[in-house]
């Protein structure tokens, strides 16, 4: 049985059929994300990173293997509201204000908004958007929209948080700033977090461990522990220990 808020994949495989050909997206992927941990998935395009997230969210089903999220099947975990998700595209509804976009999961789950007024206000403060409660997405910068998306992902108090390249569309300077903000938010929430990223430095800065994947078919090739103290500060990006871990992950991605 998975831990109360952990993620478990046991020999998960997924094959997609398209135009008479088969694409083996995942083969026998096993992965344990302990309760309260921060795990980063990194690998080349097509190695199955986003497929793992879709399966764990119940948006797709594996051909073989078992997936548990918080001890539940993915579909049940999503329906119960114990999972939160933020994508590369903030996917905010343009006609909804910041506070109404954050409240969207509550509306979908049929939870009374009135009981969560303080929660929404607290999240707006947590992501640093005080004063923008009534702003529309078109009035926000890209980084601010991603902050709204992360607050929305946290509004149900999820025990498990999935992040699919949440800062992939941001410039390098803003991305590092958002990495620092995300670490702070995660340290307050302590939700079990699974991050999909193409950025090695982002993975090292944020994660407790980095899962390196290879493609054709998608599989786990190495798991590298990130033994760096928290909170991690901006100076860490220039630390030799940080660069050593980056080099180790880069080597694993190259198959060395």
C-alpha atoms as a PDB file:
ATOM      1  CA  UNK A   1       0.000   0.000   0.000  1.00  0.00           C
ATOM      2  CA  UNK A   2       1.267   3.491  -0.851  1.00  0.00           C
ATOM      3  CA  UNK A   3       1.931   5.925   1.956  1.00  0.00           C
ATOM      4  CA  UNK A   4      -0.957   8.197   2.945  1.00  0.00           C
ATOM      5  CA  UNK A   5       0.133  10.884   0.496  1.00  0.00           C
ATOM      6  CA  UNK A   6       2.751   9.090  -1.556  1.00  0.00           C
ATOM      7  CA  UNK A   7       2.850   8.120  -5.230  1.00  0.00           C
ATOM      8  CA  UNK A   8       3.556   4.570  -6.381  1.00  0.00           C
ATOM      9  CA  UNK A   9       4.047   3.179  -9.875  1.00  0.00           C
ATOM     10  CA  UNK A  10       4.659  -0.558 -10.110  1.00  0.00           C
ATOM     11  CA  UNK A  11       5.785  -1.991 -13.479  1.00  0.00           C
ATOM     12  CA  UNK A  12       3.702   0.504 -15.457  1.00  0.00           C
ATOM     13  CA  UNK A  13       3.655   0.190 -19.251  1.00  0.00           C
ATOM     14  CA  UNK A  14       1.786   2.208 -21.877  1.00  0.00           C
ATOM     15  CA  UNK A  15       1.661   1.692 -25.637  1.00  0.00           C
ATOM     16  CA  UNK A  16      -0.048   4.124 -28.005  1.00  0.00           C
ATOM     17  CA  UNK A  17      -1.430   3.003 -31.363  1.00  0.00           C
ATOM     18  CA  UNK A  18      -1.362   5.577 -34.162  1.00  0.00           C
ATOM     19  CA  UNK A  19      -1.828   5.119 -37.920  1.00  0.00           C
ATOM     20  CA  UNK A  20      -1.041   1.444 -37.801  1.00  0.00           C
ATOM     21  CA  UNK A  21       2.121   1.820 -35.728  1.00  0.00           C
ATOM     22  CA  UNK A  22       2.787   1.240 -32.035  1.00  0.00           C
ATOM     23  CA  UNK A  23       4.677   3.689 -29.847  1.00  0.00           C
ATOM     24  CA  UNK A  24       5.911   2.217 -26.567  1.00  0.00           C
ATOM     25  CA  UNK A  25       5.696   5.284 -24.327  1.00  0.00           C
ATOM     26  CA  UNK A  26       6.561   3.489 -21.073  1.00  0.00           C
ATOM     27  CA  UNK A  27       7.981   0.066 -20.275  1.00  0.00           C
ATOM     28  CA  UNK A  28       7.931  -1.431 -16.766  1.00  0.00           C
ATOM     29  CA  UNK A  29       8.306   1.883 -14.936  1.00  0.00           C
ATOM     30  CA  UNK A  30       8.458   1.516 -11.158  1.00  0.00           C
ATOM     31  CA  UNK A  31       8.746   4.573  -8.938  1.00  0.00           C
ATOM     32  CA  UNK A  32       8.067   5.423  -5.297  1.00  0.00           C
ATOM     33  CA  UNK A  33       7.583   9.037  -4.206  1.00  0.00           C
ATOM     34  CA  UNK A  34       7.408   9.021  -0.390  1.00  0.00           C
ATOM     35  CA  UNK A  35       4.962  11.199   1.498  1.00  0.00           C
ATOM     36  CA  UNK A  36       6.145  14.821   1.640  1.00  0.00           C
ATOM     37  CA  UNK A  37       8.963  14.318  -0.865  1.00  0.00           C
ATOM     38  CA  UNK A  38       9.831  16.436  -3.918  1.00  0.00           C
ATOM     39  CA  UNK A  39      10.751  14.349  -6.972  1.00  0.00           C
ATOM     40  CA  UNK A  40      11.793  15.704 -10.378  1.00  0.00           C
ATOM     41  CA  UNK A  41      11.393  13.728 -13.603  1.00  0.00           C
ATOM     42  CA  UNK A  42      13.867  14.675 -16.313  1.00  0.00           C
ATOM     43  CA  UNK A  43      14.646  13.184 -19.692  1.00  0.00           C
ATOM     44  CA  UNK A  44      14.541  13.780 -23.445  1.00  0.00           C
ATOM     45  CA  UNK A  45      11.325  14.622 -25.257  1.00  0.00           C
ATOM     46  CA  UNK A  46       9.291  11.496 -25.830  1.00  0.00           C
ATOM     47  CA  UNK A  47      10.600   9.589 -22.809  1.00  0.00           C
ATOM     48  CA  UNK A  48       7.158   9.434 -21.180  1.00  0.00           C
ATOM     49  CA  UNK A  49       7.427  12.093 -18.459  1.00  0.00           C
ATOM     50  CA  UNK A  50       4.086  13.722 -19.211  1.00  0.00           C
ATOM     51  CA  UNK A  51       2.528  10.319 -19.843  1.00  0.00           C
ATOM     52  CA  UNK A  52       3.372   9.389 -16.245  1.00  0.00           C
ATOM     53  CA  UNK A  53       1.603  12.527 -15.014  1.00  0.00           C
ATOM     54  CA  UNK A  54      -1.465  11.835 -17.153  1.00  0.00           C
ATOM     55  CA  UNK A  55      -1.651   8.284 -15.825  1.00  0.00           C
ATOM     56  CA  UNK A  56      -1.204   9.433 -12.221  1.00  0.00           C
ATOM     57  CA  UNK A  57      -4.002  11.976 -12.684  1.00  0.00           C
ATOM     58  CA  UNK A  58      -6.347   9.369 -14.133  1.00  0.00           C
ATOM     59  CA  UNK A  59      -6.478  11.123 -17.509  1.00  0.00           C
ATOM     60  CA  UNK A  60      -5.217   7.925 -19.150  1.00  0.00           C
ATOM     61  CA  UNK A  61      -4.836   4.314 -18.093  1.00  0.00           C
ATOM     62  CA  UNK A  62      -1.794   2.038 -18.244  1.00  0.00           C
ATOM     63  CA  UNK A  63      -1.773  -1.125 -20.316  1.00  0.00           C
ATOM     64  CA  UNK A  64      -0.026  -2.924 -17.468  1.00  0.00           C
ATOM     65  CA  UNK A  65       1.005  -2.181 -13.915  1.00  0.00           C
ATOM     66  CA  UNK A  66      -0.407  -0.474 -10.848  1.00  0.00           C
ATOM     67  CA  UNK A  67      -0.574   3.227  -9.936  1.00  0.00           C
ATOM     68  CA  UNK A  68      -1.573   4.557  -6.527  1.00  0.00           C
ATOM     69  CA  UNK A  69      -1.844   8.204  -5.478  1.00  0.00           C
ATOM     70  CA  UNK A  70      -2.365   8.723  -1.781  1.00  0.00           C
ATOM     71  CA  UNK A  71      -3.302   5.069  -1.509  1.00  0.00           C
ATOM     72  CA  UNK A  72      -6.082   5.472  -4.106  1.00  0.00           C
ATOM     73  CA  UNK A  73      -6.509   4.711  -7.778  1.00  0.00           C
ATOM     74  CA  UNK A  74      -5.658   7.850  -9.819  1.00  0.00           C
ATOM     75  CA  UNK A  75      -9.264   8.584 -10.845  1.00  0.00           C
ATOM     76  CA  UNK A  76     -10.455   8.318  -7.230  1.00  0.00           C
ATOM     77  CA  UNK A  77      -7.599  10.519  -6.001  1.00  0.00           C
ATOM     78  CA  UNK A  78      -8.467  13.230  -8.529  1.00  0.00           C
ATOM     79  CA  UNK A  79     -12.197  13.089  -7.711  1.00  0.00           C
ATOM     80  CA  UNK A  80     -11.475  13.372  -3.998  1.00  0.00           C
ATOM     81  CA  UNK A  81      -9.474  16.582  -4.443  1.00  0.00           C
ATOM     82  CA  UNK A  82      -6.277  15.236  -2.860  1.00  0.00           C
ATOM     83  CA  UNK A  83      -4.304  16.074  -6.020  1.00  0.00           C
ATOM     84  CA  UNK A  84      -3.369  19.444  -7.487  1.00  0.00           C
ATOM     85  CA  UNK A  85      -1.906  20.168 -10.934  1.00  0.00           C
ATOM     86  CA  UNK A  86      -0.153  23.078 -12.634  1.00  0.00           C
ATOM     87  CA  UNK A  87       0.907  22.987 -16.299  1.00  0.00           C
ATOM     88  CA  UNK A  88       3.309  25.003 -18.464  1.00  0.00           C
ATOM     89  CA  UNK A  89       0.294  26.908 -19.761  1.00  0.00           C
ATOM     90  CA  UNK A  90      -1.347  28.517 -16.741  1.00  0.00           C
ATOM     91  CA  UNK A  91      -4.720  27.776 -18.415  1.00  0.00           C
ATOM     92  CA  UNK A  92      -6.517  30.544 -16.525  1.00  0.00           C
ATOM     93  CA  UNK A  93     -10.074  31.342 -17.565  1.00  0.00           C
ATOM     94  CA  UNK A  94      -9.818  34.838 -19.114  1.00  0.00           C
ATOM     95  CA  UNK A  95     -13.171  36.043 -17.765  1.00  0.00           C
ATOM     96  CA  UNK A  96     -12.383  35.038 -14.170  1.00  0.00           C
ATOM     97  CA  UNK A  97     -10.495  37.233 -11.722  1.00  0.00           C
ATOM     98  CA  UNK A  98      -7.450  35.984  -9.824  1.00  0.00           C
ATOM     99  CA  UNK A  99      -9.509  34.891  -6.828  1.00  0.00           C
ATOM    100  CA  UNK A 100     -12.165  33.270  -9.019  1.00  0.00           C
ATOM    101  CA  UNK A 101      -9.540  31.355 -11.023  1.00  0.00           C
ATOM    102  CA  UNK A 102      -8.004  30.105  -7.780  1.00  0.00           C
ATOM    103  CA  UNK A 103     -11.460  29.004  -6.610  1.00  0.00           C
ATOM    104  CA  UNK A 104     -12.187  27.006  -9.786  1.00  0.00           C
ATOM    105  CA  UNK A 105     -11.307  23.546  -8.348  1.00  0.00           C
ATOM    106  CA  UNK A 106     -13.650  24.207  -5.425  1.00  0.00           C
ATOM    107  CA  UNK A 107     -16.462  24.989  -7.865  1.00  0.00           C
ATOM    108  CA  UNK A 108     -15.724  21.842  -9.887  1.00  0.00           C
ATOM    109  CA  UNK A 109     -15.754  19.676  -6.748  1.00  0.00           C
ATOM    110  CA  UNK A 110     -19.005  21.285  -5.568  1.00  0.00           C
ATOM    111  CA  UNK A 111     -17.480  22.781  -2.425  1.00  0.00           C
ATOM    112  CA  UNK A 112     -19.087  25.900  -0.984  1.00  0.00           C
ATOM    113  CA  UNK A 113     -17.006  28.943  -1.813  1.00  0.00           C
ATOM    114  CA  UNK A 114     -18.011  30.762   1.363  1.00  0.00           C
ATOM    115  CA  UNK A 115     -16.219  28.218   3.510  1.00  0.00           C
ATOM    116  CA  UNK A 116     -12.941  28.878   1.693  1.00  0.00           C
ATOM    117  CA  UNK A 117     -12.747  32.683   1.603  1.00  0.00           C
ATOM    118  CA  UNK A 118      -9.873  32.780   4.087  1.00  0.00           C
ATOM    119  CA  UNK A 119      -8.118  29.931   2.303  1.00  0.00           C
ATOM    120  CA  UNK A 120      -8.216  31.776  -1.034  1.00  0.00           C
ATOM    121  CA  UNK A 121      -7.009  35.008   0.571  1.00  0.00           C
ATOM    122  CA  UNK A 122      -4.186  33.107   2.271  1.00  0.00           C
ATOM    123  CA  UNK A 123      -3.078  31.559  -1.020  1.00  0.00           C
ATOM    124  CA  UNK A 124      -3.090  34.949  -2.734  1.00  0.00           C
ATOM    125  CA  UNK A 125      -0.751  36.119   0.012  1.00  0.00           C
ATOM    126  CA  UNK A 126       1.349  32.966  -0.200  1.00  0.00           C
ATOM    127  CA  UNK A 127       2.078  33.483  -3.911  1.00  0.00           C
ATOM    128  CA  UNK A 128       2.624  37.223  -3.483  1.00  0.00           C
ATOM    129  CA  UNK A 129      -0.389  38.572  -5.353  1.00  0.00           C
ATOM    130  CA  UNK A 130      -1.991  40.778  -2.709  1.00  0.00           C
ATOM    131  CA  UNK A 131      -3.756  43.656  -4.409  1.00  0.00           C
ATOM    132  CA  UNK A 132      -4.429  41.650  -7.573  1.00  0.00           C
ATOM    133  CA  UNK A 133      -7.416  39.684  -6.265  1.00  0.00           C
ATOM    134  CA  UNK A 134      -9.796  41.188  -8.828  1.00  0.00           C
ATOM    135  CA  UNK A 135      -7.366  41.410 -11.758  1.00  0.00           C
ATOM    136  CA  UNK A 136      -8.058  39.449 -14.940  1.00  0.00           C
ATOM    137  CA  UNK A 137      -5.382  37.192 -16.509  1.00  0.00           C
ATOM    138  CA  UNK A 138      -4.849  39.693 -19.332  1.00  0.00           C
ATOM    139  CA  UNK A 139      -3.743  42.222 -16.718  1.00  0.00           C
ATOM    140  CA  UNK A 140      -1.033  39.931 -15.293  1.00  0.00           C
ATOM    141  CA  UNK A 141       2.506  39.104 -16.383  1.00  0.00           C
ATOM    142  CA  UNK A 142       3.463  35.547 -17.321  1.00  0.00           C
ATOM    143  CA  UNK A 143       5.082  34.956 -13.945  1.00  0.00           C
ATOM    144  CA  UNK A 144       2.026  36.272 -12.124  1.00  0.00           C
ATOM    145  CA  UNK A 145      -0.265  33.998 -14.119  1.00  0.00           C
ATOM    146  CA  UNK A 146       1.866  31.013 -13.101  1.00  0.00           C
ATOM    147  CA  UNK A 147       1.587  32.096  -9.469  1.00  0.00           C
ATOM    148  CA  UNK A 148      -2.198  32.030  -9.859  1.00  0.00           C
ATOM    149  CA  UNK A 149      -1.976  28.543 -11.387  1.00  0.00           C
ATOM    150  CA  UNK A 150       0.079  27.288  -8.437  1.00  0.00           C
ATOM    151  CA  UNK A 151      -2.340  28.851  -5.935  1.00  0.00           C
ATOM    152  CA  UNK A 152      -5.216  27.187  -7.796  1.00  0.00           C
ATOM    153  CA  UNK A 153      -3.400  23.854  -7.571  1.00  0.00           C
ATOM    154  CA  UNK A 154      -3.136  24.288  -3.785  1.00  0.00           C
ATOM    155  CA  UNK A 155      -6.675  25.490  -3.041  1.00  0.00           C
ATOM    156  CA  UNK A 156      -8.044  22.043  -2.178  1.00  0.00           C
ATOM    157  CA  UNK A 157      -5.144  21.449   0.255  1.00  0.00           C
ATOM    158  CA  UNK A 158      -3.829  18.642  -1.959  1.00  0.00           C
ATOM    159  CA  UNK A 159      -1.675  15.971  -0.408  1.00  0.00           C
ATOM    160  CA  UNK A 160      -0.117  15.343  -3.830  1.00  0.00           C
ATOM    161  CA  UNK A 161       0.999  18.036  -6.292  1.00  0.00           C
ATOM    162  CA  UNK A 162       1.815  17.435  -9.963  1.00  0.00           C
ATOM    163  CA  UNK A 163       3.782  20.087 -11.875  1.00  0.00           C
ATOM    164  CA  UNK A 164       4.249  19.724 -15.649  1.00  0.00           C
ATOM    165  CA  UNK A 165       6.907  22.226 -16.802  1.00  0.00           C
ATOM    166  CA  UNK A 166       5.173  25.036 -14.852  1.00  0.00           C
ATOM    167  CA  UNK A 167       7.892  27.586 -15.675  1.00  0.00           C
ATOM    168  CA  UNK A 168       8.898  26.316 -19.111  1.00  0.00           C
ATOM    169  CA  UNK A 169       7.546  29.385 -20.918  1.00  0.00           C
ATOM    170  CA  UNK A 170       9.346  31.909 -18.688  1.00  0.00           C
ATOM    171  CA  UNK A 171      12.723  33.546 -19.326  1.00  0.00           C
ATOM    172  CA  UNK A 172      15.732  32.222 -17.395  1.00  0.00           C
ATOM    173  CA  UNK A 173      15.861  35.036 -14.821  1.00  0.00           C
ATOM    174  CA  UNK A 174      12.154  34.841 -14.008  1.00  0.00           C
ATOM    175  CA  UNK A 175      12.312  31.047 -13.992  1.00  0.00           C
ATOM    176  CA  UNK A 176      14.962  31.060 -11.251  1.00  0.00           C
ATOM    177  CA  UNK A 177      12.901  33.538  -9.241  1.00  0.00           C
ATOM    178  CA  UNK A 178       9.888  31.238  -9.554  1.00  0.00           C
ATOM    179  CA  UNK A 179      12.025  28.250  -8.509  1.00  0.00           C
ATOM    180  CA  UNK A 180      12.831  30.088  -5.281  1.00  0.00           C
ATOM    181  CA  UNK A 181       9.158  30.939  -4.764  1.00  0.00           C
ATOM    182  CA  UNK A 182       8.045  27.378  -5.459  1.00  0.00           C
ATOM    183  CA  UNK A 183      10.522  26.009  -2.933  1.00  0.00           C
ATOM    184  CA  UNK A 184       9.130  28.386  -0.297  1.00  0.00           C
ATOM    185  CA  UNK A 185       5.546  27.373  -1.100  1.00  0.00           C
ATOM    186  CA  UNK A 186       6.424  23.671  -1.052  1.00  0.00           C
ATOM    187  CA  UNK A 187       8.189  23.981   2.307  1.00  0.00           C
ATOM    188  CA  UNK A 188       4.985  25.444   3.737  1.00  0.00           C
ATOM    189  CA  UNK A 189       2.596  22.920   2.176  1.00  0.00           C
ATOM    190  CA  UNK A 190       4.837  19.800   2.243  1.00  0.00           C
ATOM    191  CA  UNK A 191       2.657  18.190  -0.401  1.00  0.00           C
ATOM    192  CA  UNK A 192       4.205  15.174  -2.103  1.00  0.00           C
ATOM    193  CA  UNK A 193       5.373  16.776  -5.345  1.00  0.00           C
ATOM    194  CA  UNK A 194       6.238  15.306  -8.745  1.00  0.00           C
ATOM    195  CA  UNK A 195       7.765  17.825 -11.159  1.00  0.00           C
ATOM    196  CA  UNK A 196       8.305  17.235 -14.870  1.00  0.00           C
ATOM    197  CA  UNK A 197      11.080  19.453 -16.231  1.00  0.00           C
ATOM    198  CA  UNK A 198      13.671  19.701 -19.002  1.00  0.00           C
ATOM    199  CA  UNK A 199      15.862  21.965 -16.855  1.00  0.00           C
ATOM    200  CA  UNK A 200      18.700  20.252 -14.965  1.00  0.00           C
ATOM    201  CA  UNK A 201      19.376  23.228 -12.681  1.00  0.00           C
ATOM    202  CA  UNK A 202      15.658  23.506 -11.854  1.00  0.00           C
ATOM    203  CA  UNK A 203      15.564  19.801 -10.948  1.00  0.00           C
ATOM    204  CA  UNK A 204      18.653  20.063  -8.715  1.00  0.00           C
ATOM    205  CA  UNK A 205      17.467  23.241  -7.006  1.00  0.00           C
ATOM    206  CA  UNK A 206      13.978  21.994  -6.195  1.00  0.00           C
ATOM    207  CA  UNK A 207      14.058  18.236  -5.765  1.00  0.00           C
ATOM    208  CA  UNK A 208      15.020  15.760  -3.064  1.00  0.00           C
ATOM    209  CA  UNK A 209      15.907  13.394  -5.871  1.00  0.00           C
ATOM    210  CA  UNK A 210      15.972  13.414  -9.650  1.00  0.00           C
ATOM    211  CA  UNK A 211      14.610  10.549 -11.715  1.00  0.00           C
ATOM    212  CA  UNK A 212      16.435  10.360 -15.049  1.00  0.00           C
ATOM    213  CA  UNK A 213      14.461   8.760 -17.867  1.00  0.00           C
ATOM    214  CA  UNK A 214      15.479   7.363 -21.231  1.00  0.00           C
ATOM    215  CA  UNK A 215      13.267   6.945 -24.291  1.00  0.00           C
ATOM    216  CA  UNK A 216      12.481   4.238 -26.847  1.00  0.00           C
ATOM    217  CA  UNK A 217      10.839   2.953 -24.716  1.00  0.00           C
ATOM    218  CA  UNK A 218      10.358   5.324 -21.783  1.00  0.00           C
ATOM    219  CA  UNK A 219      11.973   3.912 -18.663  1.00  0.00           C
ATOM    220  CA  UNK A 220      13.793   4.948 -15.504  1.00  0.00           C
ATOM    221  CA  UNK A 221      17.559   4.789 -16.034  1.00  0.00           C
ATOM    222  CA  UNK A 222      18.851   6.366 -12.800  1.00  0.00           C
ATOM    223  CA  UNK A 223      17.661   7.980  -9.581  1.00  0.00           C
ATOM    224  CA  UNK A 224      20.024  10.598  -8.143  1.00  0.00           C
ATOM    225  CA  UNK A 225      19.596  11.872  -4.580  1.00  0.00           C
ATOM    226  CA  UNK A 226      19.973  15.630  -4.097  1.00  0.00           C
ATOM    227  CA  UNK A 227      21.581  15.964  -0.687  1.00  0.00           C
ATOM    228  CA  UNK A 228      21.594  19.759  -0.428  1.00  0.00           C
ATOM    229  CA  UNK A 229      20.312  21.554   2.683  1.00  0.00           C
ATOM    230  CA  UNK A 230      17.081  23.567   2.659  1.00  0.00           C
ATOM    231  CA  UNK A 231      16.084  26.262   2.301  1.00  0.00           C
ATOM    232  CA  UNK A 232      18.153  26.503  -0.862  1.00  0.00           C
ATOM    233  CA  UNK A 233      19.221  30.042  -1.646  1.00  0.00           C
ATOM    234  CA  UNK A 234      20.022  31.736  -4.992  1.00  0.00           C
ATOM    235  CA  UNK A 235      23.772  31.485  -4.307  1.00  0.00           C
ATOM    236  CA  UNK A 236      23.409  27.708  -4.596  1.00  0.00           C
ATOM    237  CA  UNK A 237      23.271  28.043  -8.397  1.00  0.00           C
ATOM    238  CA  UNK A 238      26.995  28.939  -8.261  1.00  0.00           C
ATOM    239  CA  UNK A 239      28.040  26.315  -5.704  1.00  0.00           C
ATOM    240  CA  UNK A 240      30.525  23.588  -6.824  1.00  0.00           C
ATOM    241  CA  UNK A 241      28.366  20.905  -5.150  1.00  0.00           C
ATOM    242  CA  UNK A 242      25.421  22.112  -7.244  1.00  0.00           C
ATOM    243  CA  UNK A 243      27.458  21.952 -10.457  1.00  0.00           C
ATOM    244  CA  UNK A 244      28.702  18.462  -9.582  1.00  0.00           C
ATOM    245  CA  UNK A 245      25.109  17.221  -9.323  1.00  0.00           C
ATOM    246  CA  UNK A 246      24.239  18.969 -12.600  1.00  0.00           C
ATOM    247  CA  UNK A 247      27.150  17.177 -14.293  1.00  0.00           C
ATOM    248  CA  UNK A 248      26.091  13.831 -12.834  1.00  0.00           C
ATOM    249  CA  UNK A 249      22.553  14.253 -14.167  1.00  0.00           C
ATOM    250  CA  UNK A 250      23.815  15.447 -17.559  1.00  0.00           C
ATOM    251  CA  UNK A 251      25.999  12.344 -17.753  1.00  0.00           C
ATOM    252  CA  UNK A 252      23.063  10.114 -16.880  1.00  0.00           C
ATOM    253  CA  UNK A 253      20.991  11.774 -19.611  1.00  0.00           C
ATOM    254  CA  UNK A 254      23.794  11.013 -22.079  1.00  0.00           C
ATOM    255  CA  UNK A 255      23.807   7.394 -20.949  1.00  0.00           C
ATOM    256  CA  UNK A 256      27.063   7.556 -18.975  1.00  0.00           C
END
